Amino acid sequence: MSKKSDQVDQNMKNIILAIVIIIGCLTSLIMLNHEAISARTQGKPFALAQERFSVYTVKKTADVYSLWQEHQVRGRIVVHLGRFLHFMEESSEGPPQIATIAADHAHFLIRQISYRDFLWAAFQTNIAREIYTVLPPVDFKERIGVTPQQNEFVTYEFCSPRIFTMSLPPVAEPVLLNIDASYFASTDTAQLVNDLIKSGLKADIVTICLAEDNPDVTDLDRRKARDFIVLLSRHATISEYPASSRFSKDSQ
């Protein structure tokens, strides 16, 4: 009887210990999640479908990165619409190579961020923790290929997800939204306005980039981007970044 009682006591201790460990693990996960959320920084979010929201127009791709830095955003989901991946780094010994994590992040303080690598730089400096690249269908098929079951592709940059898709993603938290002029090479401006309003997205920083620093973006793409800005102004308050860029006069 004593042996049986000892066995029952031991089993109870094991159960209690297991419960304590489980509670400890859950508490740790909750605390880590809370820390991760508190480390993210954002401004006032706008529901694109319900509110008149603010939009910045920028001339150069690098200005998008500068704007994010100026607002000191951290740990965010970026939704980028465009034909290009912006995940390259200049190589001094030849053509641009796919970028990798640099051992010394201080170089971002002195080097020139360009249209080739601004999304890569956003990852490395913790502006972005996750990036959705929305490609026009023709570019998605060329770059990634498509099957009847596949309309997005996911890869990882040191555990941080990069998602390639053909449509605006259903993201619940506020995002950094950037629309590059290259996206209009095969996109109807009125349809994109409609898609944005119906997307359910919330954003605190929305940018439309004319990509004047990208030689692969055409003048026609930029004209369509300006037409898009005019259409979007019915739903959004448009401002220039930097303010001295005189977008409305110089870009016409």
Protein backbone atom coordinates (compact mmCIF):
# COMPACT_ATOMS: atom_id res chain seq x y z
CA MET A 1 0.00 0.00 0.00
CA SER A 2 2.87 2.31 0.87
CA LYS A 3 4.53 1.66 -2.50
CA LYS A 4 1.29 2.43 -4.29
CA SER A 5 0.88 5.63 -2.29
CA ASP A 6 4.46 6.68 -3.03
CA GLN A 7 3.88 6.03 -6.72
CA VAL A 8 0.71 8.15 -6.70
CA ASP A 9 2.58 10.95 -4.92
CA GLN A 10 5.39 10.77 -7.46
CA ASN A 11 2.93 10.85 -10.34
CA MET A 12 1.21 13.89 -8.84
CA LYS A 13 4.57 15.64 -8.45
CA ASN A 14 5.41 14.88 -12.07
CA ILE A 15 2.06 16.24 -13.21
CA ILE A 16 2.46 19.40 -11.11
CA LEU A 17 6.01 19.88 -12.41
CA ALA A 18 4.81 19.44 -16.00
CA ILE A 19 2.04 22.00 -15.42
CA VAL A 20 4.53 24.46 -13.90
CA ILE A 21 6.86 24.03 -16.89
CA ILE A 22 4.00 24.53 -19.35
CA ILE A 23 2.82 27.66 -17.51
CA GLY A 24 6.40 28.94 -17.45
CA CYS A 25 6.79 28.37 -21.19
CA LEU A 26 3.47 30.06 -21.96
CA THR A 27 4.38 33.02 -19.72
CA SER A 28 7.73 33.36 -21.48
CA LEU A 29 6.04 33.28 -24.90
CA ILE A 30 3.51 35.91 -23.82
CA MET A 31 6.28 38.13 -22.44
CA LEU A 32 8.38 37.74 -25.59
CA ASN A 33 5.39 38.56 -27.77
CA HIS A 34 4.63 41.61 -25.62
CA GLU A 35 8.25 42.77 -25.89
CA ALA A 36 8.20 42.29 -29.66
CA ILE A 37 4.99 44.28 -30.00
CA SER A 38 6.20 47.06 -27.71
CA ALA A 39 9.41 47.34 -29.78
CA ARG A 40 7.37 48.19 -32.89
CA THR A 41 6.76 51.87 -33.51
CA GLN A 42 4.07 53.42 -35.64
CA GLY A 43 2.09 56.58 -36.12
CA LYS A 44 -1.66 57.02 -36.24
CA PRO A 45 -3.09 54.26 -38.47
CA PHE A 46 -5.77 54.93 -41.05
CA ALA A 47 -8.28 52.41 -42.38
CA LEU A 48 -8.05 53.00 -46.11
CA ALA A 49 -11.66 51.96 -46.67
CA GLN A 50 -13.17 54.16 -43.95
CA GLU A 51 -11.10 57.29 -43.45
CA ARG A 52 -9.48 60.02 -45.49
CA PHE A 53 -5.82 59.06 -45.17
CA SER A 54 -2.50 60.80 -45.69
CA VAL A 55 -0.24 60.00 -48.66
CA TYR A 56 3.31 61.17 -49.34
CA THR A 57 4.55 61.57 -52.90
CA VAL A 58 8.31 61.13 -53.35
CA LYS A 59 10.52 61.51 -56.39
CA LYS A 60 13.27 59.04 -55.52
CA THR A 61 13.14 55.51 -54.15
CA ALA A 62 15.72 56.34 -51.50
CA ASP A 63 13.35 59.02 -50.16
CA VAL A 64 10.95 56.29 -49.05
CA TYR A 65 13.66 54.86 -46.81
CA SER A 66 14.51 58.37 -45.53
CA LEU A 67 10.87 59.00 -44.65
CA TRP A 68 10.65 55.74 -42.69
CA GLN A 69 13.84 56.65 -40.85
CA GLU A 70 12.54 60.14 -40.10
CA HIS A 71 9.40 58.66 -38.53
CA GLN A 72 11.58 56.20 -36.58
CA VAL A 73 9.40 53.22 -37.46
CA ARG A 74 10.63 49.83 -36.23
CA GLY A 75 9.67 46.18 -36.63
CA ARG A 76 6.97 46.79 -39.22
CA ILE A 77 5.21 44.94 -42.01
CA VAL A 78 5.94 46.58 -45.35
CA VAL A 79 3.59 46.20 -48.32
CA HIS A 80 5.41 47.25 -51.49
CA LEU A 81 3.75 47.40 -54.92
CA GLY A 82 6.15 47.36 -57.84
CA ARG A 83 7.93 45.37 -60.55
CA PHE A 84 11.31 45.29 -58.82
CA LEU A 85 12.51 43.57 -55.65
CA HIS A 86 14.92 46.27 -54.35
CA PHE A 87 16.93 43.60 -52.59
CA MET A 88 20.30 44.07 -54.26
CA GLU A 89 23.56 45.53 -53.05
CA GLU A 90 26.16 47.32 -55.17
CA SER A 91 29.33 45.29 -55.65
CA SER A 92 32.61 47.11 -56.21
CA GLU A 93 33.91 44.19 -58.29
CA GLY A 94 31.16 43.78 -60.84
CA PRO A 95 27.40 43.89 -61.32
CA PRO A 96 24.98 44.05 -58.37
CA GLN A 97 24.78 40.88 -56.31
CA ILE A 98 22.00 39.54 -54.12
CA ALA A 99 22.54 41.21 -50.77
CA THR A 100 23.45 39.32 -47.60
CA ILE A 101 23.54 40.37 -43.95
CA ALA A 102 26.47 42.68 -43.32
CA ALA A 103 28.62 42.05 -40.25
CA ASP A 104 28.77 45.76 -39.47
CA HIS A 105 25.46 47.63 -39.64
CA ALA A 106 27.15 50.99 -39.05
CA HIS A 107 27.79 51.28 -42.80
CA PHE A 108 24.12 52.14 -43.27
CA LEU A 109 24.82 55.45 -41.58
CA ILE A 110 27.33 56.49 -44.23
CA ARG A 111 26.52 54.57 -47.40
CA GLN A 112 24.02 55.64 -50.06
CA ILE A 113 20.73 53.78 -49.99
CA SER A 114 19.53 53.35 -53.58
CA TYR A 115 16.63 52.00 -55.59
CA ARG A 116 18.53 48.73 -55.84
CA ASP A 117 18.52 47.90 -52.14
CA PHE A 118 16.19 50.09 -50.06
CA LEU A 119 13.97 47.16 -48.97
CA TRP A 120 17.03 45.09 -48.11
CA ALA A 121 18.33 48.01 -46.03
CA ALA A 122 14.95 48.29 -44.29
CA PHE A 123 15.30 44.65 -43.21
CA GLN A 124 18.87 45.06 -41.96
CA THR A 125 18.09 48.19 -39.93
CA ASN A 126 14.94 46.68 -38.36
CA ILE A 127 12.55 49.08 -40.03
CA ALA A 128 10.85 46.02 -41.56
CA ARG A 129 10.36 42.62 -39.98
CA GLU A 130 8.23 41.29 -42.85
CA ILE A 131 7.85 42.40 -46.46
CA TYR A 132 5.03 41.75 -48.90
CA THR A 133 6.10 42.45 -52.47
CA VAL A 134 2.99 42.79 -54.65
CA LEU A 135 4.03 42.15 -58.25
CA PRO A 136 1.87 42.66 -61.35
CA PRO A 137 0.72 39.20 -62.55
CA VAL A 138 2.95 39.25 -65.63
CA ASP A 139 6.05 39.95 -63.51
CA PHE A 140 5.03 37.41 -60.86
CA LYS A 141 4.80 34.71 -63.52
CA GLU A 142 8.15 35.68 -65.03
CA ARG A 143 10.02 35.81 -61.74
CA ILE A 144 8.36 33.06 -59.74
CA GLY A 145 6.12 31.02 -62.01
CA VAL A 146 2.56 30.20 -61.13
CA THR A 147 0.32 27.16 -60.82
CA PRO A 148 -3.47 27.05 -60.42
CA GLN A 149 -2.90 26.54 -56.67
CA GLN A 150 -0.14 29.11 -56.18
CA ASN A 151 -0.60 32.85 -56.17
CA GLU A 152 2.11 33.69 -53.65
CA PHE A 153 5.63 32.61 -52.82
CA VAL A 154 7.36 32.86 -49.42
CA THR A 155 11.07 32.99 -48.69
CA TYR A 156 13.04 34.01 -45.60
CA GLU A 157 15.90 36.39 -44.91
CA PHE A 158 17.38 35.12 -41.64
CA CYS A 159 13.94 34.03 -40.35
CA SER A 160 12.22 37.22 -41.54
CA PRO A 161 9.57 36.43 -44.15
CA ARG A 162 9.46 37.91 -47.62
CA ILE A 163 6.14 37.18 -49.34
CA PHE A 164 5.68 37.64 -53.08
CA THR A 165 2.10 37.89 -54.25
CA MET A 166 -0.11 39.24 -57.03
CA SER A 167 -2.71 40.91 -54.82
CA LEU A 168 -2.95 43.13 -51.77
CA PRO A 169 -2.48 40.97 -48.65
CA PRO A 170 -5.03 40.62 -45.83
CA VAL A 171 -2.86 42.09 -43.07
CA ALA A 172 -4.62 42.95 -39.80
CA GLU A 173 -2.04 45.30 -38.27
CA PRO A 174 -1.17 48.73 -39.75
CA VAL A 175 1.45 48.54 -42.50
CA LEU A 176 3.96 50.73 -44.28
CA LEU A 177 2.50 50.94 -47.78
CA ASN A 178 4.64 51.95 -50.76
CA ILE A 179 3.46 52.11 -54.37
CA ASP A 180 6.26 52.35 -56.92
CA ALA A 181 5.73 53.93 -60.35
CA SER A 182 6.96 50.68 -61.95
CA TYR A 183 3.75 48.99 -60.80
CA PHE A 184 1.80 50.98 -63.38
CA ALA A 185 3.59 49.40 -66.34
CA SER A 186 0.73 46.89 -66.51
CA THR A 187 -1.79 48.20 -63.96
CA ASP A 188 -4.99 50.19 -64.42
CA THR A 189 -4.92 53.24 -62.16
CA ALA A 190 -8.66 53.33 -61.42
CA GLN A 191 -8.68 49.61 -60.63
CA LEU A 192 -5.81 50.01 -58.17
CA VAL A 193 -7.64 52.81 -56.34
CA ASN A 194 -10.66 50.53 -56.08
CA ASP A 195 -8.53 47.61 -54.88
CA LEU A 196 -6.88 49.73 -52.19
CA ILE A 197 -10.16 51.05 -50.84
CA LYS A 198 -11.63 47.54 -50.72
CA SER A 199 -8.49 45.84 -49.39
CA GLY A 200 -9.22 46.30 -45.68
CA LEU A 201 -5.67 47.51 -45.16
CA LYS A 202 -4.71 49.95 -42.43
CA ALA A 203 -1.59 52.06 -42.79
CA ASP A 204 0.11 54.90 -40.97
CA ILE A 205 2.58 55.80 -43.74
CA VAL A 206 1.56 55.58 -47.41
CA THR A 207 4.02 56.58 -50.12
CA ILE A 208 3.76 56.84 -53.90
CA CYS A 209 7.20 56.86 -55.47
CA LEU A 210 7.92 58.23 -58.96
CA ALA A 211 11.24 56.34 -58.90
CA GLU A 212 13.12 59.04 -60.77
CA ASP A 213 16.36 57.44 -59.58
CA ASN A 214 15.50 54.12 -61.26
CA PRO A 215 16.48 54.03 -64.95
CA ASP A 216 14.30 50.96 -65.53
CA VAL A 217 11.11 52.90 -64.80
CA THR A 218 9.67 54.59 -67.89
CA ASP A 219 8.23 58.08 -68.30
CA LEU A 220 4.92 56.46 -69.16
CA ASP A 221 4.95 54.60 -65.84
CA ARG A 222 5.53 57.90 -64.04
CA ARG A 223 2.74 59.64 -65.94
CA LYS A 224 0.36 56.86 -64.94
CA ALA A 225 1.57 57.20 -61.34
CA ARG A 226 0.69 60.91 -61.44
CA ASP A 227 -2.75 60.05 -62.85
CA PHE A 228 -3.14 57.60 -59.98
CA ILE A 229 -2.26 60.33 -57.47
CA VAL A 230 -4.99 62.56 -58.91
CA LEU A 231 -7.57 59.76 -58.62
CA LEU A 232 -6.43 58.86 -55.10
CA SER A 233 -6.73 62.48 -53.95
CA ARG A 234 -10.49 61.94 -53.80
CA HIS A 235 -9.85 59.62 -50.86
CA ALA A 236 -6.55 60.91 -49.48
CA THR A 237 -4.70 64.06 -48.49
CA ILE A 238 -1.60 64.29 -50.69
CA SER A 239 1.61 65.91 -49.48
CA GLU A 240 5.17 66.02 -50.78
CA TYR A 241 8.30 64.53 -49.23
CA PRO A 242 10.64 66.23 -48.88
CA ALA A 243 8.37 69.27 -48.67
CA SER A 244 10.75 71.28 -50.86
CA SER A 245 10.44 68.83 -53.75
CA ARG A 246 7.66 70.96 -55.34
CA PHE A 247 6.14 67.78 -56.75
CA SER A 248 2.96 69.37 -58.00
CA LYS A 249 4.81 71.87 -60.23
CA ASP A 250 8.05 70.19 -61.19
CA SER A 251 6.63 66.73 -61.86
CA GLN A 252 3.94 67.75 -64.32
